[in-house]
Amino acid sequence: MKTIVVVALAAMLCVGGARGASAWGHDGHRVVGAIADILLEQHLATKAKLRKILGASLSEAATWADCAKGVNYCHRPPSRREVAYTDANPHNRMYHYTDVPAQQTGYVLGAAGTKPDDIVQVSQYAIGILLGTVRKADGPATLRKDEAIWLLAHLVGDIHQPLHVGALYFDSACAKPVDPNIVGKAPDFGIGTAIVETTGGNDIVLPKGEVNLHHYWDDIAVLAAARLPAGGTLNVRAFARQLATHPPAGTATSGAPATWPVAWANEALPLARRALEDIAIRDATPVHGSALKCRWYGSHDAAYVDWAAQRATEQLAKAGHRLAALMVAVLGP
């Protein structure tokens, strides 16, 4: 890993517990949904069908899967609709990520860090529900048609946040990066007993204010993408319109819609690898508990900030364009 000069960050968010963050933050998710809403103005039949099923825009629905987790995520109690969804899906928190080791080049179910109810599997299942190609009782989630749509409105954003796909693991001394697929054995690969994970970057603390790396990508990188300072106010609609009119190269996804989540996860893995490996990590501190766990302290330089802002811009844009394309594919005529 690189030795990098420390860049101070404003005190913005505290270190969360395991999987305490929501990818891109609420503003980022609303941007993704708003891009799709704008693009669907060219597909009025699909847009009308969405509005009838959801009773809301994709930008509004894009945060519901996080709001269903509790008041700490949306600063309001979950709605009756969200409570009903959570009652039927008690593992909703698991649906938002997968933890493929950063050394890997692709997502393979059953390999280290993947789960039957991770973001790839649930996204595929939700797509199948909308296409009518899967049985409701056979999947990793319990979804009505409207819930499948608003869950995808969120998860398509999540899967484009690199640290919701790729992960960094260390040996039992929390010192040397390892690939559990190589040094561990299925089914658990020793994760939590002989191998320690960084929990999507939540356990890597950046200087000045104890902002962790996951939160950095969720929020600060989004603001930097919009050329706003940490703590700035994002105009979601204006930023979405900018990204809607400038799609990055390679945005279109080929193949059947059910294959798209794997393709998107595979595309995010190299970004996750660099997002993790370009941080200078040091000073691991054991965290006592039932599982092997540590907290690391890291730093980055201005080049990392610029790179992360550029990648956040591209990933938000791709997520919005792809969400629109997915809705046309599963709901269009």
C-alpha atoms as a PDB file:
ATOM      1  CA  MET A   1       0.000   0.000   0.000  1.00  0.00           C
ATOM      2  CA  LYS A   2       1.084   3.515  -0.691  1.00  0.00           C
ATOM      3  CA  THR A   3       2.501   5.836   1.940  1.00  0.00           C
ATOM      4  CA  ILE A   4       0.461   8.969   1.518  1.00  0.00           C
ATOM      5  CA  VAL A   5       0.377  12.432   3.040  1.00  0.00           C
ATOM      6  CA  VAL A   6      -2.506  13.059   5.444  1.00  0.00           C
ATOM      7  CA  VAL A   7      -5.323  15.283   4.236  1.00  0.00           C
ATOM      8  CA  ALA A   8      -7.550  16.709   6.937  1.00  0.00           C
ATOM      9  CA  LEU A   9     -11.272  16.044   6.669  1.00  0.00           C
ATOM     10  CA  ALA A  10     -14.004  18.067   8.299  1.00  0.00           C
ATOM     11  CA  ALA A  11     -15.772  16.400  11.199  1.00  0.00           C
ATOM     12  CA  MET A  12     -18.858  15.178   9.431  1.00  0.00           C
ATOM     13  CA  LEU A  13     -19.840  11.695  10.473  1.00  0.00           C
ATOM     14  CA  CYS A  14     -18.841   9.475  13.348  1.00  0.00           C
ATOM     15  CA  VAL A  15     -17.578   5.935  12.947  1.00  0.00           C
ATOM     16  CA  GLY A  16     -20.602   3.686  12.586  1.00  0.00           C
ATOM     17  CA  GLY A  17     -21.126   0.152  13.685  1.00  0.00           C
ATOM     18  CA  ALA A  18     -20.951  -2.752  11.288  1.00  0.00           C
ATOM     19  CA  ARG A  19     -22.876  -1.881   8.162  1.00  0.00           C
ATOM     20  CA  GLY A  20     -24.161   1.328   9.724  1.00  0.00           C
ATOM     21  CA  ALA A  21     -23.959   3.398   6.563  1.00  0.00           C
ATOM     22  CA  SER A  22     -26.233   3.735   3.563  1.00  0.00           C
ATOM     23  CA  ALA A  23     -24.454   3.766   0.220  1.00  0.00           C
ATOM     24  CA  TRP A  24     -24.100   7.245  -1.283  1.00  0.00           C
ATOM     25  CA  GLY A  25     -26.037   8.733   1.630  1.00  0.00           C
ATOM     26  CA  HIS A  26     -29.600   9.898   1.069  1.00  0.00           C
ATOM     27  CA  ASP A  27     -28.597  12.668  -1.321  1.00  0.00           C
ATOM     28  CA  GLY A  28     -26.681  10.229  -3.493  1.00  0.00           C
ATOM     29  CA  HIS A  29     -29.579   7.792  -3.641  1.00  0.00           C
ATOM     30  CA  ARG A  30     -31.983  10.586  -4.506  1.00  0.00           C
ATOM     31  CA  VAL A  31     -29.641  11.695  -7.294  1.00  0.00           C
ATOM     32  CA  VAL A  32     -29.644   8.176  -8.760  1.00  0.00           C
ATOM     33  CA  GLY A  33     -33.438   8.020  -8.608  1.00  0.00           C
ATOM     34  CA  ALA A  34     -33.801  11.527 -10.018  1.00  0.00           C
ATOM     35  CA  ILE A  35     -31.570  10.696 -12.996  1.00  0.00           C
ATOM     36  CA  ALA A  36     -33.819   7.728 -13.745  1.00  0.00           C
ATOM     37  CA  ASP A  37     -36.950   9.889 -13.335  1.00  0.00           C
ATOM     38  CA  ILE A  38     -35.568  12.410 -15.830  1.00  0.00           C
ATOM     39  CA  LEU A  39     -34.633   9.744 -18.372  1.00  0.00           C
ATOM     40  CA  LEU A  40     -38.021   8.055 -18.059  1.00  0.00           C
ATOM     41  CA  GLU A  41     -39.649  11.220 -19.354  1.00  0.00           C
ATOM     42  CA  GLN A  42     -38.740   9.662 -22.700  1.00  0.00           C
ATOM     43  CA  HIS A  43     -40.625   6.475 -21.724  1.00  0.00           C
ATOM     44  CA  LEU A  44     -43.959   7.812 -20.548  1.00  0.00           C
ATOM     45  CA  ALA A  45     -45.733   4.450 -20.436  1.00  0.00           C
ATOM     46  CA  THR A  46     -43.101   3.049 -18.091  1.00  0.00           C
ATOM     47  CA  LYS A  47     -43.084   6.240 -16.025  1.00  0.00           C
ATOM     48  CA  ALA A  48     -46.876   6.122 -15.655  1.00  0.00           C
ATOM     49  CA  LYS A  49     -46.787   2.460 -14.663  1.00  0.00           C
ATOM     50  CA  LEU A  50     -44.121   3.186 -12.053  1.00  0.00           C
ATOM     51  CA  ARG A  51     -46.102   6.058 -10.593  1.00  0.00           C
ATOM     52  CA  LYS A  52     -49.215   3.869 -10.395  1.00  0.00           C
ATOM     53  CA  ILE A  53     -47.391   1.036  -8.638  1.00  0.00           C
ATOM     54  CA  LEU A  54     -45.207   3.139  -6.311  1.00  0.00           C
ATOM     55  CA  GLY A  55     -47.336   6.199  -5.725  1.00  0.00           C
ATOM     56  CA  ALA A  56     -44.034   8.084  -5.745  1.00  0.00           C
ATOM     57  CA  SER A  57     -41.062   8.945  -7.940  1.00  0.00           C
ATOM     58  CA  LEU A  58     -37.946   6.800  -8.065  1.00  0.00           C
ATOM     59  CA  SER A  59     -36.050   9.626  -6.361  1.00  0.00           C
ATOM     60  CA  GLU A  60     -38.458   9.457  -3.426  1.00  0.00           C
ATOM     61  CA  ALA A  61     -38.504   5.659  -3.323  1.00  0.00           C
ATOM     62  CA  ALA A  62     -34.721   5.339  -3.536  1.00  0.00           C
ATOM     63  CA  THR A  63     -34.255   5.869   0.219  1.00  0.00           C
ATOM     64  CA  TRP A  64     -37.043   3.638   1.506  1.00  0.00           C
ATOM     65  CA  ALA A  65     -34.928   0.497   1.912  1.00  0.00           C
ATOM     66  CA  ASP A  66     -32.672   2.453   4.282  1.00  0.00           C
ATOM     67  CA  CYS A  67     -35.541   4.208   6.036  1.00  0.00           C
ATOM     68  CA  ALA A  68     -36.998   0.773   6.780  1.00  0.00           C
ATOM     69  CA  LYS A  69     -33.953   0.088   8.976  1.00  0.00           C
ATOM     70  CA  GLY A  70     -35.068   2.597  11.603  1.00  0.00           C
ATOM     71  CA  VAL A  71     -35.184   6.208  12.711  1.00  0.00           C
ATOM     72  CA  ASN A  72     -31.380   6.611  12.664  1.00  0.00           C
ATOM     73  CA  TYR A  73     -31.343   6.293   8.890  1.00  0.00           C
ATOM     74  CA  CYS A  74     -34.045   8.756   7.850  1.00  0.00           C
ATOM     75  CA  HIS A  75     -34.469  10.846  11.012  1.00  0.00           C
ATOM     76  CA  ARG A  76     -38.092   9.769  11.157  1.00  0.00           C
ATOM     77  CA  PRO A  77     -39.907   6.612  12.252  1.00  0.00           C
ATOM     78  CA  PRO A  78     -40.381   4.040   9.487  1.00  0.00           C
ATOM     79  CA  SER A  79     -43.707   4.301   7.696  1.00  0.00           C
ATOM     80  CA  ARG A  80     -46.306   1.538   7.948  1.00  0.00           C
ATOM     81  CA  ARG A  81     -45.281   0.422   4.482  1.00  0.00           C
ATOM     82  CA  GLU A  82     -41.621   0.225   5.523  1.00  0.00           C
ATOM     83  CA  VAL A  83     -42.467  -1.587   8.759  1.00  0.00           C
ATOM     84  CA  ALA A  84     -44.496  -4.174   6.842  1.00  0.00           C
ATOM     85  CA  TYR A  85     -41.585  -4.682   4.466  1.00  0.00           C
ATOM     86  CA  THR A  86     -39.106  -5.133   7.342  1.00  0.00           C
ATOM     87  CA  ASP A  87     -41.422  -7.568   9.129  1.00  0.00           C
ATOM     88  CA  ALA A  88     -41.439  -9.692   5.983  1.00  0.00           C
ATOM     89  CA  ASN A  89     -37.700  -9.152   5.420  1.00  0.00           C
ATOM     90  CA  PRO A  90     -35.907  -9.210   8.792  1.00  0.00           C
ATOM     91  CA  HIS A  91     -32.556  -9.521   6.995  1.00  0.00           C
ATOM     92  CA  ASN A  92     -33.045  -6.336   4.978  1.00  0.00           C
ATOM     93  CA  ARG A  93     -29.735  -4.957   6.288  1.00  0.00           C
ATOM     94  CA  MET A  94     -27.921  -7.823   4.560  1.00  0.00           C
ATOM     95  CA  TYR A  95     -29.467  -7.030   1.173  1.00  0.00           C
ATOM     96  CA  HIS A  96     -27.413  -3.864   0.636  1.00  0.00           C
ATOM     97  CA  TYR A  97     -23.893  -5.204   0.075  1.00  0.00           C
ATOM     98  CA  THR A  98     -21.553  -8.053  -0.706  1.00  0.00           C
ATOM     99  CA  ASP A  99     -17.961  -8.352   0.528  1.00  0.00           C
ATOM    100  CA  VAL A 100     -15.937  -9.825  -2.333  1.00  0.00           C
ATOM    101  CA  PRO A 101     -12.204  -9.700  -1.459  1.00  0.00           C
ATOM    102  CA  ALA A 102     -10.517  -6.858  -3.325  1.00  0.00           C
ATOM    103  CA  GLN A 103      -8.006  -9.271  -4.850  1.00  0.00           C
ATOM    104  CA  GLN A 104     -10.765 -11.036  -6.792  1.00  0.00           C
ATOM    105  CA  THR A 105     -11.775 -10.109 -10.335  1.00  0.00           C
ATOM    106  CA  GLY A 106     -15.381 -11.261 -10.230  1.00  0.00           C
ATOM    107  CA  TYR A 107     -18.410 -12.097  -8.116  1.00  0.00           C
ATOM    108  CA  VAL A 108     -19.036 -15.825  -7.572  1.00  0.00           C
ATOM    109  CA  LEU A 109     -21.784 -16.929  -5.202  1.00  0.00           C
ATOM    110  CA  GLY A 110     -20.342 -19.211  -2.527  1.00  0.00           C
ATOM    111  CA  ALA A 111     -16.923 -17.576  -2.577  1.00  0.00           C
ATOM    112  CA  ALA A 112     -15.678 -15.613   0.426  1.00  0.00           C
ATOM    113  CA  GLY A 113     -17.754 -12.552   1.283  1.00  0.00           C
ATOM    114  CA  THR A 114     -20.831 -13.561  -0.722  1.00  0.00           C
ATOM    115  CA  LYS A 115     -24.163 -14.654   0.729  1.00  0.00           C
ATOM    116  CA  PRO A 116     -27.453 -16.021  -0.611  1.00  0.00           C
ATOM    117  CA  ASP A 117     -29.138 -12.785   0.484  1.00  0.00           C
ATOM    118  CA  ASP A 118     -26.462 -10.301  -0.572  1.00  0.00           C
ATOM    119  CA  ILE A 119     -27.003  -7.361  -2.912  1.00  0.00           C
ATOM    120  CA  VAL A 120     -26.412  -9.367  -6.098  1.00  0.00           C
ATOM    121  CA  GLN A 121     -28.752 -12.207  -5.208  1.00  0.00           C
ATOM    122  CA  VAL A 122     -31.554  -9.970  -3.918  1.00  0.00           C
ATOM    123  CA  SER A 123     -31.288  -7.673  -6.939  1.00  0.00           C
ATOM    124  CA  GLN A 124     -31.529 -10.646  -9.287  1.00  0.00           C
ATOM    125  CA  TYR A 125     -34.530 -11.939  -7.365  1.00  0.00           C
ATOM    126  CA  ALA A 126     -36.312  -8.570  -7.421  1.00  0.00           C
ATOM    127  CA  ILE A 127     -35.795  -8.407 -11.185  1.00  0.00           C
ATOM    128  CA  GLY A 128     -37.228 -11.918 -11.477  1.00  0.00           C
ATOM    129  CA  ILE A 129     -40.290 -10.904  -9.457  1.00  0.00           C
ATOM    130  CA  LEU A 130     -40.997  -8.051 -11.885  1.00  0.00           C
ATOM    131  CA  LEU A 131     -40.415 -10.239 -14.936  1.00  0.00           C
ATOM    132  CA  GLY A 132     -42.455 -13.098 -13.497  1.00  0.00           C
ATOM    133  CA  THR A 133     -39.579 -15.552 -13.909  1.00  0.00           C
ATOM    134  CA  VAL A 134     -39.188 -16.606 -10.247  1.00  0.00           C
ATOM    135  CA  ARG A 135     -41.529 -17.905  -7.569  1.00  0.00           C
ATOM    136  CA  LYS A 136     -42.062 -15.603  -4.615  1.00  0.00           C
ATOM    137  CA  ALA A 137     -41.383 -18.417  -2.149  1.00  0.00           C
ATOM    138  CA  ASP A 138     -38.075 -19.448  -3.696  1.00  0.00           C
ATOM    139  CA  GLY A 139     -35.926 -16.356  -3.212  1.00  0.00           C
ATOM    140  CA  PRO A 140     -33.788 -14.633  -0.589  1.00  0.00           C
ATOM    141  CA  ALA A 141     -36.441 -11.964   0.089  1.00  0.00           C
ATOM    142  CA  THR A 142     -40.214 -11.671   0.389  1.00  0.00           C
ATOM    143  CA  LEU A 143     -41.319  -8.984  -2.037  1.00  0.00           C
ATOM    144  CA  ARG A 144     -44.503  -7.624  -3.494  1.00  0.00           C
ATOM    145  CA  LYS A 145     -44.170  -6.047  -6.918  1.00  0.00           C
ATOM    146  CA  ASP A 146     -44.043  -2.509  -5.514  1.00  0.00           C
ATOM    147  CA  GLU A 147     -41.413  -3.531  -2.947  1.00  0.00           C
ATOM    148  CA  ALA A 148     -39.297  -5.121  -5.668  1.00  0.00           C
ATOM    149  CA  ILE A 149     -39.300  -1.802  -7.531  1.00  0.00           C
ATOM    150  CA  TRP A 150     -38.432   0.415  -4.607  1.00  0.00           C
ATOM    151  CA  LEU A 151     -35.809  -2.034  -3.395  1.00  0.00           C
ATOM    152  CA  LEU A 152     -34.160  -1.949  -6.839  1.00  0.00           C
ATOM    153  CA  ALA A 153     -34.380   1.851  -6.813  1.00  0.00           C
ATOM    154  CA  HIS A 154     -32.068   1.656  -3.805  1.00  0.00           C
ATOM    155  CA  LEU A 155     -29.895  -1.364  -4.565  1.00  0.00           C
ATOM    156  CA  VAL A 156     -28.935  -0.220  -8.055  1.00  0.00           C
ATOM    157  CA  GLY A 157     -27.408   2.790  -6.294  1.00  0.00           C
ATOM    158  CA  ASP A 158     -25.761   0.611  -3.643  1.00  0.00           C
ATOM    159  CA  ILE A 159     -24.116  -1.753  -6.114  1.00  0.00           C
ATOM    160  CA  HIS A 160     -22.397   1.198  -7.811  1.00  0.00           C
ATOM    161  CA  GLN A 161     -20.789   2.347  -4.553  1.00  0.00           C
ATOM    162  CA  PRO A 162     -17.504   0.391  -4.686  1.00  0.00           C
ATOM    163  CA  LEU A 163     -17.313  -0.337  -0.964  1.00  0.00           C
ATOM    164  CA  HIS A 164     -20.698  -2.054  -1.097  1.00  0.00           C
ATOM    165  CA  VAL A 165     -19.112  -4.659  -3.373  1.00  0.00           C
ATOM    166  CA  GLY A 166     -15.392  -5.049  -2.632  1.00  0.00           C
ATOM    167  CA  ALA A 167     -13.759  -5.564   0.761  1.00  0.00           C
ATOM    168  CA  LEU A 168     -10.334  -5.771   2.365  1.00  0.00           C
ATOM    169  CA  TYR A 169      -9.403  -8.588   4.738  1.00  0.00           C
ATOM    170  CA  PHE A 170      -6.420  -9.000   7.069  1.00  0.00           C
ATOM    171  CA  ASP A 171      -4.684 -11.818   8.900  1.00  0.00           C
ATOM    172  CA  SER A 172      -5.394 -12.489  12.573  1.00  0.00           C
ATOM    173  CA  ALA A 173      -2.815  -9.859  13.595  1.00  0.00           C
ATOM    174  CA  CYS A 174      -4.758  -7.262  11.567  1.00  0.00           C
ATOM    175  CA  ALA A 175      -1.484  -6.449   9.787  1.00  0.00           C
ATOM    176  CA  LYS A 176      -1.256  -8.238   6.431  1.00  0.00           C
ATOM    177  CA  PRO A 177      -3.952  -8.105   3.713  1.00  0.00           C
ATOM    178  CA  VAL A 178      -5.118 -11.588   2.732  1.00  0.00           C
ATOM    179  CA  ASP A 179      -7.656 -13.173   0.391  1.00  0.00           C
ATOM    180  CA  PRO A 180      -9.917 -15.506   2.424  1.00  0.00           C
ATOM    181  CA  ASN A 181     -10.502 -17.572  -0.724  1.00  0.00           C
ATOM    182  CA  ILE A 182      -6.812 -18.514  -0.651  1.00  0.00           C
ATOM    183  CA  VAL A 183      -5.942 -18.722   3.049  1.00  0.00           C
ATOM    184  CA  GLY A 184      -9.343 -19.800   4.395  1.00  0.00           C
ATOM    185  CA  LYS A 185     -11.800 -22.620   3.785  1.00  0.00           C
ATOM    186  CA  ALA A 186     -15.500 -22.657   2.960  1.00  0.00           C
ATOM    187  CA  PRO A 187     -18.093 -22.125   4.201  1.00  0.00           C
ATOM    188  CA  ASP A 188     -16.982 -19.267   6.494  1.00  0.00           C
ATOM    189  CA  PHE A 189     -13.359 -18.979   5.216  1.00  0.00           C
ATOM    190  CA  GLY A 190     -12.221 -18.201   8.772  1.00  0.00           C
ATOM    191  CA  ILE A 191     -13.703 -14.706   8.637  1.00  0.00           C
ATOM    192  CA  GLY A 192     -14.176 -13.471  12.199  1.00  0.00           C
ATOM    193  CA  THR A 193     -11.997 -16.201  13.708  1.00  0.00           C
ATOM    194  CA  ALA A 194      -8.692 -16.348  11.786  1.00  0.00           C
ATOM    195  CA  ILE A 195      -9.317 -13.545   9.310  1.00  0.00           C
ATOM    196  CA  VAL A 196     -10.606 -10.061  10.074  1.00  0.00           C
ATOM    197  CA  GLU A 197     -12.633  -7.885   7.694  1.00  0.00           C
ATOM    198  CA  THR A 198     -12.775  -4.107   7.389  1.00  0.00           C
ATOM    199  CA  THR A 199     -16.598  -4.160   7.092  1.00  0.00           C
ATOM    200  CA  GLY A 200     -16.821  -2.309   3.821  1.00  0.00           C
ATOM    201  CA  GLY A 201     -14.330   0.301   5.024  1.00  0.00           C
ATOM    202  CA  ASN A 202     -16.386   1.147   8.129  1.00  0.00           C
ATOM    203  CA  ASP A 203     -13.460   0.055  10.303  1.00  0.00           C
ATOM    204  CA  ILE A 204     -10.854   2.193   8.483  1.00  0.00           C
ATOM    205  CA  VAL A 205     -10.779   5.597  10.174  1.00  0.00           C
ATOM    206  CA  LEU A 206      -9.541   8.665   8.333  1.00  0.00           C
ATOM    207  CA  PRO A 207      -7.971  11.578  10.248  1.00  0.00           C
ATOM    208  CA  LYS A 208      -9.571  14.648  11.757  1.00  0.00           C
ATOM    209  CA  GLY A 209     -13.065  13.939  12.956  1.00  0.00           C
ATOM    210  CA  GLU A 210     -12.972  10.146  12.766  1.00  0.00           C
ATOM    211  CA  VAL A 211     -14.707   9.910   9.418  1.00  0.00           C
ATOM    212  CA  ASN A 212     -14.496   6.317   8.263  1.00  0.00           C
ATOM    213  CA  LEU A 213     -13.701   5.304   4.700  1.00  0.00           C
ATOM    214  CA  HIS A 214     -17.171   3.963   3.987  1.00  0.00           C
ATOM    215  CA  HIS A 215     -18.811   7.220   5.038  1.00  0.00           C
ATOM    216  CA  TYR A 216     -16.251   9.101   2.989  1.00  0.00           C
ATOM    217  CA  TRP A 217     -17.483   7.363  -0.162  1.00  0.00           C
ATOM    218  CA  ASP A 218     -21.132   7.618   0.864  1.00  0.00           C
ATOM    219  CA  ASP A 219     -21.177  11.342   1.461  1.00  0.00           C
ATOM    220  CA  ILE A 220     -17.972  13.342   1.084  1.00  0.00           C
ATOM    221  CA  ALA A 221     -17.133  11.887  -2.334  1.00  0.00           C
ATOM    222  CA  VAL A 222     -20.659  12.727  -3.514  1.00  0.00           C
ATOM    223  CA  LEU A 223     -20.307  16.335  -2.421  1.00  0.00           C
ATOM    224  CA  ALA A 224     -16.877  16.501  -4.049  1.00  0.00           C
ATOM    225  CA  ALA A 225     -18.411  15.117  -7.242  1.00  0.00           C
ATOM    226  CA  ALA A 226     -20.870  18.008  -7.176  1.00  0.00           C
ATOM    227  CA  ARG A 227     -17.955  20.370  -6.393  1.00  0.00           C
ATOM    228  CA  LEU A 228     -19.316  21.176  -2.959  1.00  0.00           C
ATOM    229  CA  PRO A 229     -17.379  21.337   0.329  1.00  0.00           C
ATOM    230  CA  ALA A 230     -17.958  18.796   3.090  1.00  0.00           C
ATOM    231  CA  GLY A 231     -21.161  19.817   4.828  1.00  0.00           C
ATOM    232  CA  GLY A 232     -22.455  21.609   1.720  1.00  0.00           C
ATOM    233  CA  THR A 233     -26.039  21.437   0.498  1.00  0.00           C
ATOM    234  CA  LEU A 234     -26.601  19.421  -2.660  1.00  0.00           C
ATOM    235  CA  ASN A 235     -29.256  20.463  -5.181  1.00  0.00           C
ATOM    236  CA  VAL A 236     -30.347  16.941  -6.038  1.00  0.00           C
ATOM    237  CA  ARG A 237     -32.465  17.779  -9.076  1.00  0.00           C
ATOM    238  CA  ALA A 238     -29.884  20.067 -10.677  1.00  0.00           C
ATOM    239  CA  PHE A 239     -27.039  17.603 -10.154  1.00  0.00           C
ATOM    240  CA  ALA A 240     -29.202  14.764 -11.480  1.00  0.00           C
ATOM    241  CA  ARG A 241     -30.070  16.705 -14.623  1.00  0.00           C
ATOM    242  CA  GLN A 242     -26.372  17.379 -15.218  1.00  0.00           C
ATOM    243  CA  LEU A 243     -25.556  13.669 -14.911  1.00  0.00           C
ATOM    244  CA  ALA A 244     -28.593  12.621 -16.954  1.00  0.00           C
ATOM    245  CA  THR A 245     -27.385  14.611 -19.942  1.00  0.00           C
ATOM    246  CA  HIS A 246     -23.781  13.346 -19.766  1.00  0.00           C
ATOM    247  CA  PRO A 247     -23.763   9.533 -19.480  1.00  0.00           C
ATOM    248  CA  PRO A 248     -20.293   8.008 -19.011  1.00  0.00           C
ATOM    249  CA  ALA A 249     -18.914   5.741 -21.703  1.00  0.00           C
ATOM    250  CA  GLY A 250     -19.858   2.097 -21.282  1.00  0.00           C
ATOM    251  CA  THR A 251     -23.057   2.794 -19.356  1.00  0.00           C
ATOM    252  CA  ALA A 252     -25.302   0.424 -21.327  1.00  0.00           C
ATOM    253  CA  THR A 253     -25.390  -3.149 -19.987  1.00  0.00           C
ATOM    254  CA  SER A 254     -25.723  -6.058 -22.386  1.00  0.00           C
ATOM    255  CA  GLY A 255     -27.469  -9.367 -21.796  1.00  0.00           C
ATOM    256  CA  ALA A 256     -30.683 -10.255 -19.985  1.00  0.00           C
ATOM    257  CA  PRO A 257     -31.665  -7.962 -17.089  1.00  0.00           C
ATOM    258  CA  ALA A 258     -31.236 -10.774 -14.559  1.00  0.00           C
ATOM    259  CA  THR A 259     -27.516 -10.852 -15.410  1.00  0.00           C
ATOM    260  CA  TRP A 260     -26.991  -7.140 -14.883  1.00  0.00           C
ATOM    261  CA  PRO A 261     -26.345  -7.167 -11.096  1.00  0.00           C
ATOM    262  CA  VAL A 262     -23.366  -9.520 -11.527  1.00  0.00           C
ATOM    263  CA  ALA A 263     -21.998  -7.362 -14.352  1.00  0.00           C
ATOM    264  CA  TRP A 264     -22.333  -4.222 -12.227  1.00  0.00           C
ATOM    265  CA  ALA A 265     -20.664  -5.867  -9.227  1.00  0.00           C
ATOM    266  CA  ASN A 266     -17.790  -7.077 -11.382  1.00  0.00           C
ATOM    267  CA  GLU A 267     -17.345  -3.577 -12.785  1.00  0.00           C
ATOM    268  CA  ALA A 268     -17.229  -2.084  -9.275  1.00  0.00           C
ATOM    269  CA  LEU A 269     -14.557  -4.474  -7.983  1.00  0.00           C
ATOM    270  CA  PRO A 270     -11.500  -2.742  -9.532  1.00  0.00           C
ATOM    271  CA  LEU A 271     -12.753   0.565  -8.142  1.00  0.00           C
ATOM    272  CA  ALA A 272     -13.138  -0.986  -4.691  1.00  0.00           C
ATOM    273  CA  ARG A 273      -9.614  -2.393  -4.897  1.00  0.00           C
ATOM    274  CA  ARG A 274      -8.115   1.000  -5.613  1.00  0.00           C
ATOM    275  CA  ALA A 275     -10.377   2.779  -3.106  1.00  0.00           C
ATOM    276  CA  LEU A 276      -9.031   0.473  -0.403  1.00  0.00           C
ATOM    277  CA  GLU A 277      -5.427   0.018  -1.496  1.00  0.00           C
ATOM    278  CA  ASP A 278      -4.672   3.705  -2.131  1.00  0.00           C
ATOM    279  CA  ILE A 279      -5.344   4.490   1.519  1.00  0.00           C
ATOM    280  CA  ALA A 280      -2.227   4.296   3.733  1.00  0.00           C
ATOM    281  CA  ILE A 281      -3.411   2.014   6.551  1.00  0.00           C
ATOM    282  CA  ARG A 282      -1.572   1.790   9.869  1.00  0.00           C
ATOM    283  CA  ASP A 283      -1.987   1.342  13.612  1.00  0.00           C
ATOM    284  CA  ALA A 284      -4.507  -1.497  13.824  1.00  0.00           C
ATOM    285  CA  THR A 285      -6.287  -1.549  17.190  1.00  0.00           C
ATOM    286  CA  PRO A 286      -8.095  -4.712  18.361  1.00  0.00           C
ATOM    287  CA  VAL A 287     -11.800  -4.312  19.112  1.00  0.00           C
ATOM    288  CA  HIS A 288     -12.875  -6.794  21.755  1.00  0.00           C
ATOM    289  CA  GLY A 289     -16.005  -8.814  21.119  1.00  0.00           C
ATOM    290  CA  SER A 290     -17.276 -12.219  20.119  1.00  0.00           C
ATOM    291  CA  ALA A 291     -15.613 -12.063  16.685  1.00  0.00           C
ATOM    292  CA  LEU A 292     -12.103 -11.113  15.615  1.00  0.00           C
ATOM    293  CA  LYS A 293     -12.273  -7.420  14.814  1.00  0.00           C
ATOM    294  CA  CYS A 294      -9.938  -4.435  14.507  1.00  0.00           C
ATOM    295  CA  ARG A 295     -10.004  -0.745  13.729  1.00  0.00           C
ATOM    296  CA  TRP A 296      -7.393   0.743  11.422  1.00  0.00           C
ATOM    297  CA  TYR A 297      -6.262   4.332  10.937  1.00  0.00           C
ATOM    298  CA  GLY A 298      -5.496   5.612   7.469  1.00  0.00           C
ATOM    299  CA  SER A 299      -4.748   8.675   5.395  1.00  0.00           C
ATOM    300  CA  HIS A 300      -4.869   9.825   1.783  1.00  0.00           C
ATOM    301  CA  ASP A 301      -3.727  12.730  -0.351  1.00  0.00           C
ATOM    302  CA  ALA A 302      -5.306  15.272  -2.690  1.00  0.00           C
ATOM    303  CA  ALA A 303      -4.908  12.937  -5.659  1.00  0.00           C
ATOM    304  CA  TYR A 304      -7.136  10.402  -3.906  1.00  0.00           C
ATOM    305  CA  VAL A 305      -9.761  13.069  -3.246  1.00  0.00           C
ATOM    306  CA  ASP A 306      -9.820  14.027  -6.932  1.00  0.00           C
ATOM    307  CA  TRP A 307      -9.928  10.423  -8.086  1.00  0.00           C
ATOM    308  CA  ALA A 308     -12.752   9.538  -5.690  1.00  0.00           C
ATOM    309  CA  ALA A 309     -14.791  12.548  -6.840  1.00  0.00           C
ATOM    310  CA  GLN A 310     -14.377  11.538 -10.485  1.00  0.00           C
ATOM    311  CA  ARG A 311     -15.350   7.934  -9.785  1.00  0.00           C
ATOM    312  CA  ALA A 312     -18.338   9.002  -7.681  1.00  0.00           C
ATOM    313  CA  THR A 313     -19.539  11.184 -10.548  1.00  0.00           C
ATOM    314  CA  GLU A 314     -19.283   8.297 -12.994  1.00  0.00           C
ATOM    315  CA  GLN A 315     -20.842   5.735 -10.670  1.00  0.00           C
ATOM    316  CA  LEU A 316     -23.797   7.921  -9.739  1.00  0.00           C
ATOM    317  CA  ALA A 317     -24.436   8.658 -13.414  1.00  0.00           C
ATOM    318  CA  LYS A 318     -24.160   5.017 -14.414  1.00  0.00           C
ATOM    319  CA  ALA A 319     -26.467   3.955 -11.594  1.00  0.00           C
ATOM    320  CA  GLY A 320     -29.155   6.456 -12.638  1.00  0.00           C
ATOM    321  CA  HIS A 321     -28.981   5.568 -16.324  1.00  0.00           C
ATOM    322  CA  ARG A 322     -28.978   1.867 -15.543  1.00  0.00           C
ATOM    323  CA  LEU A 323     -31.900   2.159 -13.139  1.00  0.00           C
ATOM    324  CA  ALA A 324     -33.933   3.819 -15.892  1.00  0.00           C
ATOM    325  CA  ALA A 325     -32.928   1.127 -18.393  1.00  0.00           C
ATOM    326  CA  LEU A 326     -33.836  -1.579 -15.895  1.00  0.00           C
ATOM    327  CA  MET A 327     -37.285  -0.114 -15.304  1.00  0.00           C
ATOM    328  CA  VAL A 328     -37.933   0.028 -19.054  1.00  0.00           C
ATOM    329  CA  ALA A 329     -36.721  -3.569 -19.391  1.00  0.00           C
ATOM    330  CA  VAL A 330     -38.932  -4.989 -16.632  1.00  0.00           C
ATOM    331  CA  LEU A 331     -41.998  -2.740 -16.938  1.00  0.00           C
ATOM    332  CA  GLY A 332     -41.980  -1.407 -20.497  1.00  0.00           C
ATOM    333  CA  PRO A 333     -44.190  -2.725 -23.277  1.00  0.00           C
END
